[in-house]
Amino acid sequence: MLESMEAVRRLMDLRHRGRAEDLPAVLMETAPLLEARAATVLLADYGQVGLHPLRSARDVSSPLGVEDTLAGRAFITSRRQWAETDGTGVLWLPLLHGAERLGVLELQVSGPPTESALHDLEIIAALVAELIASRRFYGDAVEHTRRRMPMQLAAEIIWNQLPPLTYAIDGTRVAAVLEPCYDVGGDAFDYAANGEVLHVALFDTVGHGISASALTTLTLNTYRNARRSGLSLIDTCRSIDKWVRAQYPGAFVTALLAELDMATGRYRRISAGHPAEVFLRGGVVRPALPTPNTLPLGLGHMIARPPVVVEEQLVPGDTLVLYTDGITEARDASGALFGVDRLATFLLNTLGDGTAAAETMRRLVQTIVSYEDGELRDDATAAMLQWRAH
């Protein structure tokens, strides 16, 4: 019989003392209480192509592939997976922090758990995910595990600015991707849910490297300051434009600044020199919303006309995909652009198969990387917004 509460108590001790790198040892000590021979945390790397045992910086372990293993299937589907051979079995449980996919918890057990035991084990997995999320900032074990190559300083700066890749509230979802994950410099996204309003923004900064990441940092934090000060979309746009022009004369940032009323489906946005969203409804591509509605941020002083807010009434199930030109301007070996049409077709086919938002975004960025034969010429960032009525 599982001694679930004792396992919970031992794990909860890490909330007030200990680091993420202490979790593997505590889990192994706790495994017998869960009628398991071993318990292992497997974390997804930045590229979301492998699952790696949580470790200290000195340890070296072999990963499991996301695409070709049952552990990967648990990560992809966010559903438990089970395999049994010769009377012994392995159970993989998804590690979810809210809607964010961190990895999986692998349990080696003697036989299939009962439904009651599975319920308890899923609670344990949820607690483990919370511990990883809360303790990751007190050491570098999680970062050492997730990184498959050295991260460039510009990318380090950007990743430390970003919210989790996935968020969900009352059926409305946001899922984002950012590539190349170890060398990104000029792209960024942000979102926040305040009351019934979901704020979403996507930015594409001119240039690359440290100078681009510094401009992106200013842009992101000016956006957050304006949002938290209660400014309207137009005034938020003006505020960012003013600060970009003041601090980086001659530079600019293209952006989509959007607000979604999650109760009514009313969608409002400004395109500052940025490509329009891909708009999907009922399995078809809808006409693109008008774009641009103002000049790129930092160049607004060149025209007297104020930014224009475009409004659209969404219906439940609508999907909007915001993207930077690194997605559509990816080129294959012959020089052919990936393009908006190919992007829309990919989204229709993948979502049409019932694939969840986060997994669709993961597959999109893998498709873009493959299209450019593994070497991206520009940052490629996208954010999917799916609306479901409360």
Protein backbone atom coordinates (compact mmCIF):
# COMPACT_ATOMS: atom_id res chain seq x y z
CA MET A 1 0.00 0.00 0.00
CA LEU A 2 1.29 3.44 -0.89
CA GLU A 3 2.36 5.66 1.99
CA SER A 4 1.50 8.77 0.05
CA MET A 5 1.26 11.23 2.92
CA GLU A 6 4.69 10.31 4.25
CA ALA A 7 6.08 10.77 0.73
CA VAL A 8 4.41 14.17 0.54
CA ARG A 9 5.88 15.18 3.91
CA ARG A 10 9.42 14.29 2.82
CA LEU A 11 9.07 16.16 -0.45
CA MET A 12 7.48 19.16 1.24
CA ASP A 13 10.59 19.54 3.40
CA LEU A 14 12.31 20.82 0.25
CA ARG A 15 9.95 23.79 0.10
CA HIS A 16 11.71 25.43 3.01
CA ARG A 17 15.22 24.03 2.65
CA GLY A 18 17.17 22.45 -0.12
CA ARG A 19 17.78 23.04 -3.81
CA ALA A 20 16.43 21.56 -7.00
CA GLU A 21 19.53 19.39 -7.21
CA ASP A 22 18.54 17.79 -3.88
CA LEU A 23 15.29 16.51 -5.38
CA PRO A 24 16.68 13.37 -7.11
CA ALA A 25 18.13 11.99 -3.85
CA VAL A 26 14.94 12.72 -1.90
CA LEU A 27 12.87 11.05 -4.61
CA MET A 28 15.01 7.91 -4.51
CA GLU A 29 14.61 7.76 -0.73
CA THR A 30 10.87 8.30 -1.13
CA ALA A 31 10.41 5.71 -3.92
CA PRO A 32 9.76 2.72 -1.58
CA LEU A 33 6.87 4.66 -0.01
CA LEU A 34 5.37 4.78 -3.50
CA GLU A 35 5.97 1.05 -4.06
CA ALA A 36 8.62 1.94 -6.62
CA ARG A 37 12.22 0.79 -6.98
CA ALA A 38 13.29 4.15 -8.38
CA ALA A 39 11.89 7.59 -9.15
CA THR A 40 13.58 9.91 -11.65
CA VAL A 41 12.83 13.44 -12.83
CA LEU A 42 13.33 13.92 -16.57
CA LEU A 43 13.36 17.54 -17.75
CA ALA A 44 12.84 18.80 -21.31
CA ASP A 45 15.77 20.65 -22.81
CA TYR A 46 15.42 24.14 -24.28
CA GLY A 47 14.88 22.75 -27.77
CA GLN A 48 12.22 20.33 -26.46
CA VAL A 49 13.83 17.42 -28.31
CA GLY A 50 15.09 15.36 -25.36
CA LEU A 51 14.25 14.49 -21.75
CA HIS A 52 17.21 14.57 -19.37
CA PRO A 53 17.56 13.32 -15.76
CA LEU A 54 17.69 16.22 -13.32
CA ARG A 55 21.27 16.33 -12.18
CA SER A 56 24.02 18.42 -10.68
CA ALA A 57 26.53 20.11 -12.94
CA ARG A 58 29.01 17.25 -12.38
CA ASP A 59 26.73 14.40 -13.47
CA VAL A 60 26.36 13.09 -17.02
CA SER A 61 23.29 11.07 -18.04
CA SER A 62 21.80 9.87 -21.29
CA PRO A 63 18.59 11.56 -22.51
CA LEU A 64 15.37 10.03 -23.81
CA GLY A 65 14.01 11.37 -27.09
CA VAL A 66 10.75 13.29 -27.08
CA GLU A 67 9.69 11.95 -30.47
CA ASP A 68 10.42 8.24 -30.10
CA THR A 69 9.89 7.13 -26.50
CA LEU A 70 6.98 6.55 -24.14
CA ALA A 71 8.51 9.13 -21.81
CA GLY A 72 8.36 11.56 -24.71
CA ARG A 73 4.77 10.61 -25.41
CA ALA A 74 3.88 11.43 -21.80
CA PHE A 75 5.51 14.84 -22.34
CA ILE A 76 3.82 15.43 -25.71
CA THR A 77 0.31 14.40 -24.63
CA SER A 78 0.49 15.43 -20.95
CA ARG A 79 -0.94 11.98 -20.17
CA ARG A 80 0.59 9.12 -18.22
CA GLN A 81 2.23 6.25 -20.09
CA TRP A 82 2.88 2.68 -18.99
CA ALA A 83 5.17 -0.11 -20.17
CA GLU A 84 5.59 -3.59 -18.69
CA THR A 85 8.05 -6.40 -19.41
CA ASP A 86 8.66 -9.63 -17.46
CA GLY A 87 6.53 -8.56 -14.52
CA THR A 88 8.20 -5.19 -14.02
CA GLY A 89 6.98 -1.89 -15.32
CA VAL A 90 7.74 1.76 -15.80
CA LEU A 91 5.22 4.55 -15.33
CA TRP A 92 5.79 8.00 -16.80
CA LEU A 93 3.76 10.89 -15.40
CA PRO A 94 3.80 14.40 -16.94
CA LEU A 95 5.31 17.16 -14.84
CA LEU A 96 3.07 20.19 -15.31
CA HIS A 97 3.46 23.55 -13.63
CA GLY A 98 0.09 25.01 -14.46
CA ALA A 99 -0.03 24.44 -18.22
CA GLU A 100 3.75 24.56 -18.63
CA ARG A 101 5.33 21.22 -19.55
CA LEU A 102 8.51 20.71 -17.54
CA GLY A 103 9.17 17.06 -18.28
CA VAL A 104 8.09 13.71 -16.82
CA LEU A 105 8.42 11.71 -13.60
CA GLU A 106 9.62 8.15 -14.24
CA LEU A 107 8.68 5.47 -11.70
CA GLN A 108 9.99 1.92 -11.85
CA VAL A 109 7.41 -0.35 -10.24
CA SER A 110 6.72 -4.08 -9.97
CA GLY A 111 3.26 -4.01 -11.54
CA PRO A 112 0.44 -1.78 -12.77
CA PRO A 113 -0.74 0.62 -10.03
CA THR A 114 -4.40 0.63 -9.06
CA GLU A 115 -6.58 3.58 -10.01
CA SER A 116 -6.38 4.83 -6.43
CA ALA A 117 -2.59 4.55 -6.47
CA LEU A 118 -2.43 6.32 -9.85
CA HIS A 119 -4.42 9.20 -8.41
CA ASP A 120 -1.96 9.51 -5.53
CA LEU A 121 1.04 9.25 -7.85
CA GLU A 122 -0.32 12.02 -10.07
CA ILE A 123 -0.58 14.22 -6.97
CA ILE A 124 3.05 13.38 -6.18
CA ALA A 125 4.02 14.34 -9.75
CA ALA A 126 2.19 17.65 -9.39
CA LEU A 127 4.08 18.32 -6.15
CA VAL A 128 7.39 17.48 -7.80
CA ALA A 129 6.60 19.94 -10.62
CA GLU A 130 5.83 22.66 -8.06
CA LEU A 131 9.09 21.96 -6.25
CA ILE A 132 11.09 22.22 -9.48
CA ALA A 133 9.38 25.48 -10.40
CA SER A 134 9.86 27.02 -6.95
CA ARG A 135 13.40 25.79 -6.23
CA ARG A 136 14.93 26.27 -9.70
CA PHE A 137 16.04 29.82 -8.89
CA TYR A 138 18.14 28.83 -5.86
CA GLY A 139 20.72 26.96 -7.89
CA ASP A 140 21.62 26.09 -11.48
CA ALA A 141 20.79 22.36 -11.57
CA VAL A 142 17.67 22.87 -13.69
CA GLU A 143 19.55 25.09 -16.13
CA HIS A 144 22.47 22.66 -16.33
CA THR A 145 20.00 19.90 -17.13
CA ARG A 146 18.03 21.80 -19.77
CA ARG A 147 21.03 23.19 -21.68
CA ARG A 148 22.50 21.00 -24.40
CA MET A 149 25.09 23.56 -25.50
CA PRO A 150 26.50 26.84 -24.18
CA MET A 151 23.94 29.64 -24.16
CA GLN A 152 25.05 32.94 -25.64
CA LEU A 153 24.85 35.97 -23.35
CA ALA A 154 22.19 37.68 -25.50
CA ALA A 155 19.97 34.58 -25.21
CA GLU A 156 20.63 34.39 -21.46
CA ILE A 157 19.35 37.94 -21.09
CA ILE A 158 16.21 37.29 -23.15
CA TRP A 159 15.23 33.97 -21.53
CA ASN A 160 15.51 35.56 -18.08
CA GLN A 161 12.93 38.15 -19.19
CA LEU A 162 10.27 35.79 -20.52
CA PRO A 163 7.19 34.26 -18.90
CA PRO A 164 6.57 30.47 -19.14
CA LEU A 165 6.01 29.18 -22.66
CA THR A 166 2.47 28.01 -21.87
CA TYR A 167 -0.43 29.47 -19.89
CA ALA A 168 -4.09 28.52 -19.54
CA ILE A 169 -7.05 30.05 -17.75
CA ASP A 170 -10.70 29.02 -18.07
CA GLY A 171 -10.03 27.29 -21.38
CA THR A 172 -8.16 30.21 -22.98
CA ARG A 173 -4.57 29.24 -23.81
CA VAL A 174 -1.32 30.91 -24.74
CA ALA A 175 1.57 28.83 -26.06
CA ALA A 176 4.84 30.25 -27.39
CA VAL A 177 8.16 29.14 -28.85
CA LEU A 178 11.50 30.90 -29.31
CA GLU A 179 14.32 29.68 -31.56
CA PRO A 180 17.31 29.47 -31.83
CA CYS A 181 16.97 28.92 -28.11
CA TYR A 182 20.71 29.23 -27.35
CA ASP A 183 21.43 32.25 -29.53
CA VAL A 184 18.24 34.32 -29.72
CA GLY A 185 18.73 38.05 -29.30
CA GLY A 186 16.02 40.23 -30.77
CA ASP A 187 12.68 38.42 -30.41
CA ALA A 188 10.49 38.27 -27.32
CA PHE A 189 6.91 37.70 -26.19
CA ASP A 190 4.92 38.53 -23.09
CA TYR A 191 1.46 37.95 -21.64
CA ALA A 192 -0.48 38.63 -18.46
CA ALA A 193 -4.03 37.92 -17.29
CA ASN A 194 -5.63 40.71 -15.27
CA GLY A 195 -9.27 40.24 -14.39
CA GLU A 196 -11.07 39.34 -17.61
CA VAL A 197 -8.36 40.81 -19.85
CA LEU A 198 -5.54 38.75 -21.31
CA HIS A 199 -2.68 40.94 -22.55
CA VAL A 200 -0.42 39.42 -25.23
CA ALA A 201 2.53 41.02 -27.03
CA LEU A 202 5.15 39.90 -29.53
CA PHE A 203 8.29 41.92 -30.33
CA ASP A 204 10.91 41.71 -33.07
CA THR A 205 13.89 43.99 -32.46
CA VAL A 206 16.18 45.17 -35.24
CA GLY A 207 19.62 43.60 -35.09
CA HIS A 208 21.01 40.67 -33.16
CA GLY A 209 23.30 39.91 -30.25
CA ILE A 210 23.85 41.99 -27.11
CA SER A 211 22.69 45.31 -28.60
CA ALA A 212 19.42 43.72 -29.75
CA SER A 213 18.85 41.99 -26.40
CA ALA A 214 19.40 45.31 -24.58
CA LEU A 215 16.80 47.00 -26.79
CA THR A 216 14.44 44.06 -26.29
CA THR A 217 14.90 44.32 -22.53
CA LEU A 218 13.94 47.99 -22.61
CA THR A 219 10.94 47.22 -24.83
CA LEU A 220 9.64 44.38 -22.67
CA ASN A 221 9.92 46.30 -19.44
CA THR A 222 8.44 49.48 -20.88
CA TYR A 223 5.50 47.38 -22.09
CA ARG A 224 5.05 45.87 -18.63
CA ASN A 225 5.35 49.24 -16.94
CA ALA A 226 2.67 50.72 -19.22
CA ARG A 227 0.39 47.71 -18.74
CA ARG A 228 0.78 47.75 -14.96
CA SER A 229 0.15 51.49 -14.95
CA GLY A 230 -3.22 50.86 -16.59
CA LEU A 231 -2.41 52.57 -19.89
CA SER A 232 -4.55 51.91 -22.94
CA LEU A 233 -3.17 50.06 -25.96
CA ILE A 234 -2.59 53.35 -27.77
CA ASP A 235 -0.80 54.95 -24.83
CA THR A 236 1.22 51.76 -24.27
CA CYS A 237 2.33 51.92 -27.89
CA ARG A 238 3.25 55.58 -27.52
CA SER A 239 5.18 54.95 -24.31
CA ILE A 240 7.32 52.19 -25.83
CA ASP A 241 7.87 54.28 -28.96
CA LYS A 242 9.03 57.24 -26.88
CA TRP A 243 11.51 55.24 -24.78
CA VAL A 244 12.95 53.33 -27.73
CA ARG A 245 13.52 56.59 -29.61
CA ALA A 246 15.03 58.28 -26.54
CA GLN A 247 17.44 55.48 -25.60
CA TYR A 248 18.22 53.98 -29.03
CA PRO A 249 17.90 56.71 -31.68
CA GLY A 250 17.52 55.21 -35.14
CA ALA A 251 16.67 51.72 -33.84
CA PHE A 252 13.18 50.24 -33.99
CA VAL A 253 11.06 47.31 -32.88
CA THR A 254 8.11 45.79 -34.72
CA ALA A 255 5.35 44.57 -32.44
CA LEU A 256 1.85 43.23 -32.01
CA LEU A 257 0.18 44.56 -28.86
CA ALA A 258 -3.10 42.80 -28.11
CA GLU A 259 -5.84 42.51 -25.52
CA LEU A 260 -8.48 39.77 -25.31
CA ASP A 261 -11.60 40.06 -23.18
CA MET A 262 -11.82 36.45 -22.07
CA ALA A 263 -15.46 36.78 -21.07
CA THR A 264 -16.75 38.15 -24.38
CA GLY A 265 -14.09 37.23 -26.95
CA ARG A 266 -13.49 40.85 -27.94
CA TYR A 267 -9.98 41.05 -29.41
CA ARG A 268 -8.18 44.38 -29.83
CA ARG A 269 -4.68 44.96 -31.15
CA ILE A 270 -2.15 47.33 -32.66
CA SER A 271 0.37 46.24 -35.27
CA ALA A 272 3.46 48.43 -35.13
CA GLY A 273 5.00 47.49 -38.48
CA HIS A 274 4.48 43.80 -37.72
CA PRO A 275 2.99 40.96 -39.82
CA ALA A 276 -0.66 40.14 -39.18
CA GLU A 277 -1.66 37.12 -37.13
CA VAL A 278 -2.73 33.86 -38.76
CA PHE A 279 -6.45 33.75 -37.92
CA LEU A 280 -8.11 30.31 -37.83
CA ARG A 281 -11.78 29.55 -37.32
CA GLY A 282 -13.64 26.29 -37.83
CA GLY A 283 -10.79 24.62 -39.69
CA VAL A 284 -10.29 27.43 -42.23
CA VAL A 285 -8.03 30.46 -42.49
CA ARG A 286 -9.85 33.75 -41.95
CA PRO A 287 -8.83 36.99 -43.70
CA ALA A 288 -5.90 38.66 -41.99
CA LEU A 289 -6.59 41.62 -39.73
CA PRO A 290 -5.42 45.01 -41.08
CA THR A 291 -1.70 45.63 -40.64
CA PRO A 292 0.30 47.68 -39.96
CA ASN A 293 -1.66 50.20 -37.91
CA THR A 294 1.32 52.35 -37.05
CA LEU A 295 5.05 52.55 -37.70
CA PRO A 296 7.51 50.31 -35.81
CA LEU A 297 8.19 51.36 -32.23
CA GLY A 298 10.88 54.03 -32.20
CA LEU A 299 9.78 55.54 -35.52
CA GLY A 300 6.35 56.83 -34.52
CA HIS A 301 7.51 60.46 -34.60
CA MET A 302 7.70 60.24 -38.40
CA ILE A 303 3.90 60.44 -38.77
CA ALA A 304 1.32 62.60 -37.02
CA ARG A 305 -1.45 59.99 -37.14
CA PRO A 306 -1.95 58.14 -33.83
CA PRO A 307 -1.84 54.32 -33.67
CA VAL A 308 -5.05 52.59 -34.75
CA VAL A 309 -6.62 49.82 -32.69
CA VAL A 310 -8.16 47.01 -34.77
CA GLU A 311 -11.03 45.10 -33.17
CA GLU A 312 -12.36 41.61 -33.94
CA GLN A 313 -15.13 39.63 -32.26
CA LEU A 314 -13.90 36.08 -31.72
CA VAL A 315 -16.10 33.02 -31.43
CA PRO A 316 -15.29 30.07 -29.13
CA GLY A 317 -12.56 27.93 -30.67
CA ASP A 318 -10.89 30.74 -32.62
CA THR A 319 -7.11 30.58 -32.84
CA LEU A 320 -4.70 33.45 -33.50
CA VAL A 321 -1.01 32.82 -34.12
CA LEU A 322 1.35 35.77 -33.73
CA TYR A 323 4.77 35.30 -35.31
CA THR A 324 7.97 37.09 -36.25
CA ASP A 325 9.33 37.11 -39.77
CA GLY A 326 11.93 34.51 -38.83
CA ILE A 327 9.09 31.97 -39.19
CA THR A 328 7.77 32.94 -42.61
CA GLU A 329 11.12 34.04 -44.06
CA ALA A 330 12.87 30.76 -43.26
CA ARG A 331 14.41 29.40 -46.48
CA ASP A 332 15.11 25.88 -47.66
CA ALA A 333 18.21 24.82 -49.62
CA SER A 334 16.73 26.19 -52.85
CA GLY A 335 16.00 29.56 -51.27
CA ALA A 336 12.21 29.10 -51.17
CA LEU A 337 10.51 30.93 -48.31
CA PHE A 338 8.48 28.99 -45.76
CA GLY A 339 5.81 31.66 -46.16
CA VAL A 340 2.47 32.50 -44.61
CA ASP A 341 0.53 29.94 -46.66
CA ARG A 342 2.76 27.07 -45.57
CA LEU A 343 2.51 28.30 -41.96
CA ALA A 344 -1.30 28.38 -42.14
CA THR A 345 -1.44 24.91 -43.71
CA PHE A 346 0.84 23.50 -41.01
CA LEU A 347 -1.36 25.00 -38.27
CA LEU A 348 -4.59 23.75 -39.83
CA ASN A 349 -3.26 20.23 -40.25
CA THR A 350 -1.66 19.97 -36.82
CA LEU A 351 -4.54 21.50 -34.86
CA GLY A 352 -6.98 19.54 -37.01
CA ASP A 353 -5.41 16.32 -35.70
CA GLY A 354 -6.37 17.37 -32.16
CA THR A 355 -2.85 18.42 -31.18
CA ALA A 356 -2.75 20.74 -28.19
CA ALA A 357 -1.49 24.32 -28.49
CA ALA A 358 1.85 23.79 -26.73
CA GLU A 359 2.67 20.70 -28.77
CA THR A 360 1.64 22.45 -31.99
CA MET A 361 4.11 25.23 -31.22
CA ARG A 362 6.85 22.74 -30.42
CA ARG A 363 6.28 20.95 -33.73
CA LEU A 364 6.19 24.27 -35.58
CA VAL A 365 9.61 25.33 -34.43
CA GLN A 366 11.03 21.87 -35.18
CA THR A 367 9.55 22.17 -38.67
CA ILE A 368 11.16 25.58 -39.18
CA VAL A 369 14.54 24.34 -37.99
CA SER A 370 14.28 21.33 -40.30
CA TYR A 371 13.19 23.57 -43.21
CA GLU A 372 16.38 25.60 -42.82
CA ASP A 373 18.43 22.40 -42.45
CA GLY A 374 19.14 22.99 -38.78
CA GLU A 375 20.64 26.48 -39.14
CA LEU A 376 18.24 29.40 -38.64
CA ARG A 377 19.15 32.66 -40.35
CA ASP A 378 16.98 34.74 -38.03
CA ASP A 379 15.19 34.48 -34.70
CA ALA A 380 11.93 32.57 -35.10
CA THR A 381 9.25 33.27 -32.50
CA ALA A 382 5.54 32.53 -32.40
CA ALA A 383 2.72 32.69 -29.87
CA MET A 384 -0.64 30.94 -30.21
CA LEU A 385 -3.77 32.35 -28.60
CA GLN A 386 -6.82 30.10 -28.37
CA TRP A 387 -10.06 31.46 -26.99
CA ARG A 388 -12.70 29.39 -25.26
CA ALA A 389 -15.64 31.05 -23.55
CA HIS A 390 -15.77 30.64 -19.76
